[in-house]
């Protein structure tokens, strides 16, 4: 008897390898429109975001590229901290560090991760906090959270075993200075809050 995709998924889910299930789901063409992540041992699927969110990620990526960094959109990340394979909206690394085209991408090669907050409240809080703690425990030096609901940016630094030790907040329109090895400020003047949408 031929094995169906449904049967295969059940077999994978019964095993110890959450990453195997993630690979299986990523290969399903029916799910191509979704971003599929592993967050605290559970599979999370998100639809694509609204234009303001997508534009913000693109603006940040182009700023990183102009400054000589590689900006990877939706890149799966992995570290020695189990139960996770998040896909940050933007992962910032160097061209040299990604020459082997490693996937999922090792967190120790990452200098900055960016998350741009969803519009729906139900999708905003818990997953971002869980992912942020994983980024800190995986020792990713900087975490940038862009909140299009609040018109604010939060830069977290000093990663530790529980979370980041420092948080600096900025409003849209203000420059967000990034410490070494970046040594430039993120330009937020073109970021648009969800509230600024015209009916």
Protein backbone atom coordinates (compact mmCIF):
# COMPACT_ATOMS: atom_id res chain seq x y z
CA UNK A 1 0.00 0.00 0.00
CA UNK A 2 1.35 3.42 -0.94
CA UNK A 3 2.20 5.81 1.88
CA UNK A 4 0.38 9.14 1.77
CA UNK A 5 1.74 12.51 2.88
CA UNK A 6 -0.66 12.33 5.84
CA UNK A 7 0.73 8.93 6.93
CA UNK A 8 4.30 10.18 6.54
CA UNK A 9 3.62 13.28 8.64
CA UNK A 10 2.11 11.14 11.41
CA UNK A 11 5.20 8.90 11.44
CA UNK A 12 7.54 11.90 11.62
CA UNK A 13 5.45 13.53 14.38
CA UNK A 14 5.71 10.32 16.41
CA UNK A 15 9.50 10.45 16.29
CA UNK A 16 12.01 12.53 18.28
CA UNK A 17 13.06 14.77 15.40
CA UNK A 18 10.99 17.97 15.23
CA UNK A 19 13.41 19.25 12.58
CA UNK A 20 12.48 16.30 10.36
CA UNK A 21 8.83 17.34 10.49
CA UNK A 22 9.84 20.89 9.66
CA UNK A 23 11.76 19.69 6.57
CA UNK A 24 8.72 17.61 5.54
CA UNK A 25 6.33 20.56 5.83
CA UNK A 26 8.70 22.89 3.96
CA UNK A 27 8.60 20.51 1.00
CA UNK A 28 4.78 20.53 0.76
CA UNK A 29 3.86 22.85 -2.15
CA UNK A 30 0.47 23.52 -0.54
CA UNK A 31 2.27 25.34 2.28
CA UNK A 32 4.57 27.51 0.13
CA UNK A 33 2.68 30.67 1.14
CA UNK A 34 3.41 30.07 4.85
CA UNK A 35 6.50 30.67 6.98
CA UNK A 36 6.98 27.49 9.01
CA UNK A 37 9.05 27.61 12.21
CA UNK A 38 9.84 25.46 15.22
CA UNK A 39 9.27 27.49 18.40
CA UNK A 40 9.67 25.87 21.81
CA UNK A 41 9.02 22.39 20.44
CA UNK A 42 5.92 23.26 18.41
CA UNK A 43 5.42 23.97 14.74
CA UNK A 44 4.21 27.52 14.04
CA UNK A 45 2.89 28.51 10.62
CA UNK A 46 2.40 32.15 9.66
CA UNK A 47 0.87 33.69 6.57
CA UNK A 48 2.73 36.42 4.73
CA UNK A 49 2.45 39.86 6.31
CA UNK A 50 0.84 43.08 5.09
CA UNK A 51 2.78 45.47 2.81
CA UNK A 52 4.01 47.78 5.61
CA UNK A 53 5.60 44.79 7.35
CA UNK A 54 7.15 43.43 4.16
CA UNK A 55 8.46 46.87 3.22
CA UNK A 56 10.07 47.35 6.65
CA UNK A 57 11.98 44.08 6.30
CA UNK A 58 13.13 45.13 2.81
CA UNK A 59 14.24 48.58 4.04
CA UNK A 60 16.27 47.02 6.84
CA UNK A 61 17.80 44.46 4.49
CA UNK A 62 18.90 47.15 2.03
CA UNK A 63 20.47 49.21 4.84
CA UNK A 64 22.45 46.18 5.98
CA UNK A 65 23.56 45.38 2.43
CA UNK A 66 24.70 48.98 1.84
CA UNK A 67 26.77 48.79 5.03
CA UNK A 68 28.51 45.64 3.78
CA UNK A 69 26.49 43.00 5.63
CA UNK A 70 24.47 40.07 4.30
CA UNK A 71 20.76 40.25 5.14
CA UNK A 72 18.93 36.91 4.94
CA UNK A 73 15.14 37.14 4.90
CA UNK A 74 13.26 34.28 6.60
CA UNK A 75 16.40 32.20 7.16
CA UNK A 76 15.98 29.13 9.40
CA UNK A 77 18.38 29.22 12.36
CA UNK A 78 19.71 26.48 14.63
CA UNK A 79 21.90 26.25 17.72
CA UNK A 80 22.67 23.89 20.58
CA UNK A 81 19.52 25.11 22.36
CA UNK A 82 16.95 22.40 21.51
CA UNK A 83 13.31 22.67 20.44
CA UNK A 84 13.75 25.63 18.12
CA UNK A 85 14.36 26.41 14.49
CA UNK A 86 13.07 29.97 14.17
CA UNK A 87 13.03 32.04 11.00
CA UNK A 88 13.78 35.64 11.85
CA UNK A 89 12.34 38.24 9.49
CA UNK A 90 15.94 39.27 8.81
CA UNK A 91 19.17 37.54 9.83
CA UNK A 92 22.32 39.62 9.51
CA UNK A 93 25.65 37.90 8.91
CA UNK A 94 28.71 38.21 6.68
CA UNK A 95 29.24 36.99 3.13
CA UNK A 96 32.24 34.98 4.33
CA UNK A 97 30.23 33.18 7.04
CA UNK A 98 27.67 31.83 4.59
CA UNK A 99 30.02 30.55 1.87
CA UNK A 100 29.16 26.91 2.65
CA UNK A 101 25.41 27.62 2.13
CA UNK A 102 24.62 25.85 5.42
CA UNK A 103 20.90 25.28 6.11
CA UNK A 104 19.57 25.63 8.74
CA UNK A 105 22.01 28.45 9.44
CA UNK A 106 24.15 28.25 12.62
CA UNK A 107 23.27 30.93 15.18
CA UNK A 108 26.94 31.41 16.11
CA UNK A 109 27.50 33.03 12.69
CA UNK A 110 24.73 35.62 13.23
CA UNK A 111 25.42 39.18 14.40
CA UNK A 112 21.85 40.52 14.48
CA UNK A 113 18.31 39.22 14.11
CA UNK A 114 15.31 41.37 13.25
CA UNK A 115 11.66 40.65 14.00
CA UNK A 116 8.88 42.89 12.67
CA UNK A 117 5.73 42.54 14.77
CA UNK A 118 2.54 41.13 13.27
CA UNK A 119 -0.59 43.25 13.22
CA UNK A 120 -2.84 40.65 14.90
CA UNK A 121 -2.50 40.74 18.69
CA UNK A 122 -2.94 36.96 18.89
CA UNK A 123 0.23 36.48 16.83
CA UNK A 124 2.37 39.14 18.51
CA UNK A 125 3.43 38.42 22.00
CA UNK A 126 4.23 34.89 23.10
CA UNK A 127 6.15 33.68 20.05
CA UNK A 128 8.26 36.85 19.92
CA UNK A 129 9.20 36.50 23.60
CA UNK A 130 10.03 32.79 23.19
CA UNK A 131 12.11 33.43 20.08
CA UNK A 132 13.89 36.37 21.70
CA UNK A 133 14.92 34.21 24.66
CA UNK A 134 16.20 31.54 22.25
CA UNK A 135 18.21 34.16 20.36
CA UNK A 136 19.73 35.30 23.67
CA UNK A 137 20.49 31.75 24.85
CA UNK A 138 22.03 31.04 21.44
CA UNK A 139 24.27 34.09 22.01
CA UNK A 140 23.15 36.14 19.02
CA UNK A 141 24.63 39.52 19.99
CA UNK A 142 21.78 41.83 18.91
CA UNK A 143 18.01 41.51 18.58
CA UNK A 144 16.02 44.27 16.88
CA UNK A 145 12.24 44.25 17.34
CA UNK A 146 10.29 46.64 15.10
CA UNK A 147 6.74 47.19 16.34
CA UNK A 148 4.53 48.63 13.61
CA UNK A 149 1.62 48.71 16.06
CA UNK A 150 3.42 51.06 18.46
CA UNK A 151 5.66 52.89 15.98
CA UNK A 152 8.65 51.83 18.07
CA UNK A 153 11.93 49.92 17.79
CA UNK A 154 13.58 47.98 20.59
CA UNK A 155 17.24 47.02 20.38
CA UNK A 156 18.28 44.25 22.75
CA UNK A 157 21.90 43.45 23.53
CA UNK A 158 24.02 41.57 26.10
CA UNK A 159 22.63 38.06 25.53
CA UNK A 160 22.48 35.78 28.56
CA UNK A 161 21.11 32.44 29.73
CA UNK A 162 17.57 33.75 30.28
CA UNK A 163 17.22 36.79 28.00
CA UNK A 164 19.04 39.87 26.79
CA UNK A 165 20.43 42.04 29.56
CA UNK A 166 19.83 45.42 27.93
CA UNK A 167 16.93 46.97 26.01
CA UNK A 168 16.99 50.40 24.33
CA UNK A 169 13.78 51.84 22.85
CA UNK A 170 13.36 54.31 20.00
CA UNK A 171 10.44 55.87 18.15
CA UNK A 172 10.00 55.74 14.38
CA UNK A 173 11.94 58.64 12.87
CA UNK A 174 14.79 58.34 15.36
CA UNK A 175 18.11 56.72 14.35
CA UNK A 176 18.86 53.42 16.09
CA UNK A 177 22.63 53.22 16.71
CA UNK A 178 24.07 49.73 16.34
CA UNK A 179 27.22 48.97 18.34
CA UNK A 180 30.37 47.28 17.04
CA UNK A 181 30.92 45.58 14.72
CA UNK A 182 28.22 47.57 12.88
CA UNK A 183 28.99 51.14 13.96
CA UNK A 184 26.15 52.75 12.02
CA UNK A 185 22.59 53.77 12.84
CA UNK A 186 19.46 52.18 11.40
CA UNK A 187 17.38 54.80 9.60
CA UNK A 188 13.73 54.43 10.68
CA UNK A 189 12.30 57.50 8.91
CA UNK A 190 10.56 55.41 6.24
CA UNK A 191 9.04 52.91 8.68
CA UNK A 192 5.23 53.15 8.71
CA UNK A 193 2.97 52.12 11.58
CA UNK A 194 -0.17 50.13 10.88
CA UNK A 195 -2.18 53.08 12.23
CA UNK A 196 -0.87 55.32 9.43
CA UNK A 197 -2.66 53.24 6.75
CA UNK A 198 -5.18 55.26 4.77
CA UNK A 199 -8.70 53.88 4.41
